[in-house]
Amino acid sequence: MSDTPDTIVLIHGFWVTPRSWEHWVTHYQDKGFRVLTPTYPGLEGEVEAINADPSPLETLTAPQIIAHLSAVLDELPTPPILMGHSAGGAFTQVLLDRGYGASAVVLNSAPTEGVRNIPFSQLRSTFPVLRNPANRHRAVGFSFEQWNYAFTSTFDEQTARALYERYAIPAAGGILWDSVLANLLPGPQDIAVNYHNDQRAPLLFISGSQDHIQPPSVQRANAAHYKGDTITEVELFEGYAHLLPAQQGWQRIADVALDWALRHAR
């Protein structure tokens, strides 16, 4: 029996749903992999239904998401490859730290606790949520202009608008506020990992050079927190914005991610 992983789990980020992985699902299925795209609890509907009623996002918490994703992984007979985009990258790191996954790739990942690199473009991208403490109890969406700056800054406008209509949903304001406050509170919070955990599987950070919401400096700072002997690498792709899984040329990145994950799987 081969030890090579046969399953890939794709974990989406905020302001989108598993639909944002649609091209990668087909791409990896065509290569013979089983591909899972779990969503957050309460958000099992399509984009249109969530936009019509985003109320489940108002009370959603990071521990709920992590518990839900853990339950999905517990059902698998062998460790899969984990891939996470944006906030999904932070959740992927937590899952990896807890012993899940044969290897992992995170793309334009949100940082885990203790990473205090906060570029101006990140502040500008998240300002629609963080400008008002009352948003801790709300589902907060982006206007197209806000989405375009944060997600599709290098896309042509027609493509950016089409992706906004197809993918965009509100985000859980409480989780974003909690992630900001986590570095000010004593002890580990929701997105904490053990940076010295030598038992975790290898981890690759893929970073788009033109990402505004999670810029390359955030990826480098996050990766630099990991100590010990377990493999942690960073690869930069020039010209790519935050919505890297849907940007022209995504196939090359998908193949790089898969090749790395297979070569380092354990």
Protein backbone atom coordinates (compact mmCIF):
# COMPACT_ATOMS: atom_id res chain seq x y z
CA MET A 1 0.00 0.00 0.00
CA SER A 2 1.43 3.41 -0.99
CA ASP A 3 2.15 5.99 1.71
CA THR A 4 1.57 8.81 -0.79
CA PRO A 5 -1.43 10.93 0.26
CA ASP A 6 -4.45 10.39 -1.96
CA THR A 7 -6.62 13.17 -0.48
CA ILE A 8 -6.26 16.95 -0.58
CA VAL A 9 -8.25 19.15 1.80
CA LEU A 10 -8.69 22.76 0.63
CA ILE A 11 -9.62 25.25 3.36
CA HIS A 12 -11.03 28.61 2.29
CA GLY A 13 -10.58 31.99 3.97
CA PHE A 14 -12.81 34.89 4.95
CA TRP A 15 -15.06 36.82 2.55
CA VAL A 16 -15.29 33.71 0.31
CA THR A 17 -16.64 30.15 0.40
CA PRO A 18 -15.32 26.80 -0.92
CA ARG A 19 -16.45 28.00 -4.35
CA SER A 20 -13.21 30.00 -4.47
CA TRP A 21 -11.35 26.68 -4.88
CA GLU A 22 -13.49 25.50 -7.81
CA HIS A 23 -10.65 25.44 -10.37
CA TRP A 24 -8.26 23.69 -8.00
CA VAL A 25 -10.81 20.99 -7.20
CA THR A 26 -11.12 19.99 -10.85
CA HIS A 27 -7.38 20.34 -11.43
CA TYR A 28 -6.51 17.95 -8.60
CA GLN A 29 -9.36 15.55 -9.30
CA ASP A 30 -8.07 15.22 -12.86
CA LYS A 31 -4.76 14.10 -11.34
CA GLY A 32 -6.54 11.32 -9.46
CA PHE A 33 -6.88 12.88 -6.00
CA ARG A 34 -9.88 12.93 -3.75
CA VAL A 35 -10.51 16.61 -2.98
CA LEU A 36 -12.49 17.92 -0.01
CA THR A 37 -13.52 21.56 0.46
CA PRO A 38 -15.09 21.83 3.92
CA THR A 39 -16.75 25.11 4.76
CA TYR A 40 -17.34 26.76 8.13
CA PRO A 41 -20.20 25.49 10.33
CA GLY A 42 -23.48 27.13 9.42
CA LEU A 43 -22.26 28.23 5.98
CA GLU A 44 -23.05 25.11 4.00
CA GLY A 45 -25.16 27.01 1.46
CA GLU A 46 -24.05 28.66 -1.74
CA VAL A 47 -22.74 32.22 -1.99
CA GLU A 48 -26.13 33.59 -2.98
CA ALA A 49 -27.89 32.02 0.02
CA ILE A 50 -25.24 33.25 2.46
CA ASN A 51 -25.47 36.78 1.11
CA ALA A 52 -29.24 36.63 1.51
CA ASP A 53 -28.88 35.56 5.15
CA PRO A 54 -25.39 36.03 6.63
CA SER A 55 -26.65 35.76 10.23
CA PRO A 56 -24.64 32.54 10.98
CA LEU A 57 -21.49 34.64 10.62
CA GLU A 58 -22.53 36.95 13.45
CA THR A 59 -21.81 34.39 16.15
CA LEU A 60 -19.21 32.23 14.39
CA THR A 61 -15.96 31.68 16.31
CA ALA A 62 -12.52 30.37 15.39
CA PRO A 63 -12.76 27.44 17.86
CA GLN A 64 -16.01 26.38 16.17
CA ILE A 65 -14.33 26.41 12.77
CA ILE A 66 -11.29 24.50 13.99
CA ALA A 67 -13.46 21.89 15.73
CA HIS A 68 -15.54 21.45 12.58
CA LEU A 69 -12.47 21.05 10.37
CA SER A 70 -10.92 18.63 12.87
CA ALA A 71 -14.06 16.48 12.74
CA VAL A 72 -13.80 16.32 8.94
CA LEU A 73 -10.16 15.23 9.16
CA ASP A 74 -10.90 12.68 11.86
CA GLU A 75 -13.07 10.81 9.37
CA LEU A 76 -10.21 10.26 6.92
CA PRO A 77 -8.39 6.91 6.99
CA THR A 78 -4.96 8.42 6.24
CA PRO A 79 -3.41 11.88 6.67
CA PRO A 80 -4.23 14.18 3.73
CA ILE A 81 -2.41 17.09 2.20
CA LEU A 82 -3.76 20.30 3.74
CA MET A 83 -3.96 23.54 1.77
CA GLY A 84 -5.36 26.78 3.13
CA HIS A 85 -5.88 30.22 1.67
CA SER A 86 -5.91 33.43 3.72
CA ALA A 87 -7.67 32.75 7.06
CA GLY A 88 -7.79 29.15 5.90
CA GLY A 89 -4.00 29.24 6.06
CA ALA A 90 -4.10 30.16 9.73
CA PHE A 91 -6.60 27.38 10.43
CA THR A 92 -4.35 25.00 8.49
CA GLN A 93 -1.41 25.92 10.71
CA VAL A 94 -3.48 25.21 13.84
CA LEU A 95 -4.56 21.84 12.46
CA LEU A 96 -0.98 20.98 11.53
CA ASP A 97 0.17 21.84 15.05
CA ARG A 98 -2.50 19.49 16.42
CA GLY A 99 -1.14 16.56 14.44
CA TYR A 100 -3.29 16.62 11.32
CA GLY A 101 -1.96 16.40 7.77
CA ALA A 102 0.89 14.65 5.96
CA SER A 103 2.13 18.05 4.74
CA ALA A 104 0.63 21.49 4.26
CA VAL A 105 0.74 24.46 1.92
CA VAL A 106 -0.74 27.82 2.88
CA LEU A 107 -1.36 30.54 0.32
CA ASN A 108 -1.33 34.22 1.32
CA SER A 109 -1.98 32.98 4.84
CA ALA A 110 -3.37 34.99 7.70
CA PRO A 111 -0.86 34.94 10.56
CA THR A 112 -1.02 32.81 13.66
CA GLU A 113 -0.82 34.35 17.12
CA GLY A 114 2.35 36.24 17.97
CA VAL A 115 3.08 37.52 14.45
CA ARG A 116 3.01 41.28 14.96
CA ASN A 117 3.97 42.41 11.46
CA ILE A 118 1.07 44.69 10.45
CA PRO A 119 1.71 46.50 7.12
CA PHE A 120 -0.35 49.54 6.15
CA SER A 121 -2.00 47.69 3.25
CA GLN A 122 -3.29 45.08 5.72
CA LEU A 123 -4.74 47.77 7.96
CA ARG A 124 -6.41 49.43 4.97
CA SER A 125 -7.82 46.09 3.78
CA THR A 126 -9.36 45.19 7.13
CA PHE A 127 -10.46 48.71 8.10
CA PRO A 128 -14.11 48.10 7.05
CA VAL A 129 -14.29 45.60 9.93
CA LEU A 130 -11.93 47.11 12.49
CA ARG A 131 -13.13 50.71 12.24
CA ASN A 132 -16.12 49.95 14.48
CA PRO A 133 -15.98 47.76 17.63
CA ALA A 134 -19.68 46.98 17.11
CA ASN A 135 -18.60 44.89 14.12
CA ARG A 136 -17.49 42.22 16.60
CA HIS A 137 -21.11 41.09 16.55
CA ARG A 138 -21.80 41.55 12.85
CA ALA A 139 -21.21 39.94 9.49
CA VAL A 140 -19.22 42.54 7.57
CA GLY A 141 -19.01 42.57 3.79
CA PHE A 142 -16.82 44.46 1.34
CA SER A 143 -17.97 46.90 -1.31
CA PHE A 144 -16.52 46.12 -4.72
CA GLU A 145 -13.89 48.84 -4.27
CA GLN A 146 -12.83 47.39 -0.92
CA TRP A 147 -12.80 43.86 -2.33
CA ASN A 148 -10.76 44.96 -5.33
CA TYR A 149 -8.09 46.54 -3.14
CA ALA A 150 -7.87 43.60 -0.76
CA PHE A 151 -8.36 40.64 -3.11
CA THR A 152 -7.91 41.47 -6.79
CA SER A 153 -5.58 44.47 -6.97
CA THR A 154 -3.74 43.17 -10.05
CA PHE A 155 -6.83 41.90 -11.94
CA ASP A 156 -8.55 43.79 -14.73
CA GLU A 157 -11.78 45.39 -13.54
CA GLN A 158 -14.11 43.16 -15.54
CA THR A 159 -12.57 40.01 -14.07
CA ALA A 160 -12.47 41.49 -10.58
CA ARG A 161 -16.16 42.40 -10.72
CA ALA A 162 -17.12 38.97 -12.00
CA LEU A 163 -15.21 37.28 -9.16
CA TYR A 164 -16.75 39.66 -6.63
CA GLU A 165 -20.22 38.62 -7.80
CA ARG A 166 -19.32 34.93 -7.84
CA TYR A 167 -17.30 34.56 -4.63
CA ALA A 168 -17.78 37.42 -2.17
CA ILE A 169 -19.67 37.00 1.11
CA PRO A 170 -19.42 38.88 4.44
CA ALA A 171 -16.87 37.88 7.09
CA ALA A 172 -17.32 37.17 10.80
CA GLY A 173 -16.33 40.44 12.41
CA GLY A 174 -15.84 38.80 15.80
CA ILE A 175 -13.06 36.51 14.57
CA LEU A 176 -11.14 39.39 13.00
CA TRP A 177 -11.45 41.48 16.14
CA ASP A 178 -10.38 38.53 18.30
CA SER A 179 -7.30 37.98 16.13
CA VAL A 180 -6.25 41.61 16.68
CA LEU A 181 -6.82 41.43 20.44
CA ALA A 182 -5.05 38.06 20.78
CA ASN A 183 -1.60 39.64 20.76
CA LEU A 184 -2.64 41.95 23.61
CA LEU A 185 -4.01 39.26 25.93
CA PRO A 186 -1.97 36.96 28.18
CA GLY A 187 -1.67 33.32 27.26
CA PRO A 188 -2.53 31.51 24.03
CA GLN A 189 -5.77 32.49 22.29
CA ASP A 190 -7.77 30.94 19.43
CA ILE A 191 -5.12 30.89 16.67
CA ALA A 192 -2.09 29.99 18.76
CA VAL A 193 0.36 27.29 17.68
CA ASN A 194 3.47 25.79 19.23
CA TYR A 195 6.26 27.19 17.06
CA HIS A 196 8.67 24.64 18.54
CA ASN A 197 6.57 21.58 17.69
CA ASP A 198 8.99 19.22 15.96
CA GLN A 199 6.24 16.64 15.46
CA ARG A 200 4.21 18.68 12.99
CA ALA A 201 4.31 17.94 9.28
CA PRO A 202 6.25 20.14 6.80
CA LEU A 203 4.77 23.51 5.88
CA LEU A 204 5.16 25.73 2.80
CA PHE A 205 4.09 29.37 2.68
CA ILE A 206 3.19 30.58 -0.82
CA SER A 207 3.05 34.36 -1.06
CA GLY A 208 1.82 36.68 -3.82
CA SER A 209 4.08 39.70 -4.19
CA GLN A 210 1.14 42.09 -4.72
CA ASP A 211 -1.09 40.80 -1.93
CA HIS A 212 -2.48 43.71 0.08
CA ILE A 213 -4.33 41.96 2.90
CA GLN A 214 -1.63 39.38 3.75
CA PRO A 215 1.55 40.78 2.14
CA PRO A 216 4.83 38.88 1.75
CA SER A 217 6.24 40.48 4.91
CA VAL A 218 3.47 38.79 6.91
CA GLN A 219 4.25 35.41 5.34
CA ARG A 220 7.96 35.77 6.07
CA ALA A 221 7.31 36.87 9.65
CA ASN A 222 4.93 33.97 10.23
CA ALA A 223 7.37 31.41 8.81
CA ALA A 224 10.26 32.89 10.84
CA HIS A 225 8.41 32.16 14.08
CA TYR A 226 8.76 28.42 13.51
CA LYS A 227 11.83 26.97 15.17
CA GLY A 228 13.31 23.50 15.37
CA ASP A 229 13.99 20.88 12.74
CA THR A 230 10.62 20.56 11.00
CA ILE A 231 10.62 21.90 7.44
CA THR A 232 9.15 25.38 6.96
CA GLU A 233 9.69 27.17 3.65
CA VAL A 234 8.47 30.29 1.85
CA GLU A 235 8.04 30.73 -1.91
CA LEU A 236 7.21 34.09 -3.50
CA PHE A 237 5.24 34.42 -6.74
CA GLU A 238 5.70 37.76 -8.45
CA GLY A 239 2.67 39.69 -9.64
CA TYR A 240 0.04 37.77 -7.71
CA ALA A 241 -2.65 39.39 -5.57
CA HIS A 242 -4.55 37.96 -2.61
CA LEU A 243 -7.07 35.92 -4.61
CA LEU A 244 -4.23 33.85 -5.97
CA PRO A 245 -6.27 30.63 -6.45
CA ALA A 246 -8.37 32.39 -9.11
CA GLN A 247 -5.71 34.54 -10.80
CA GLN A 248 -4.48 33.82 -14.31
CA GLY A 249 -1.62 31.35 -14.07
CA TRP A 250 -3.04 29.62 -10.98
CA GLN A 251 -2.33 26.22 -12.56
CA ARG A 252 1.42 26.68 -12.14
CA ILE A 253 1.00 27.55 -8.48
CA ALA A 254 -1.35 24.62 -7.91
CA ASP A 255 1.24 22.29 -9.43
CA VAL A 256 4.10 23.78 -7.39
CA ALA A 257 2.02 23.41 -4.23
CA LEU A 258 1.11 19.80 -4.96
CA ASP A 259 4.63 18.81 -5.97
CA TRP A 260 6.07 20.30 -2.78
CA ALA A 261 3.41 18.68 -0.61
CA LEU A 262 3.98 15.25 -2.13
CA ARG A 263 7.77 15.47 -1.88
CA HIS A 264 7.61 16.44 1.79
CA ALA A 265 4.65 14.33 2.91
CA ARG A 266 5.21 12.10 5.91
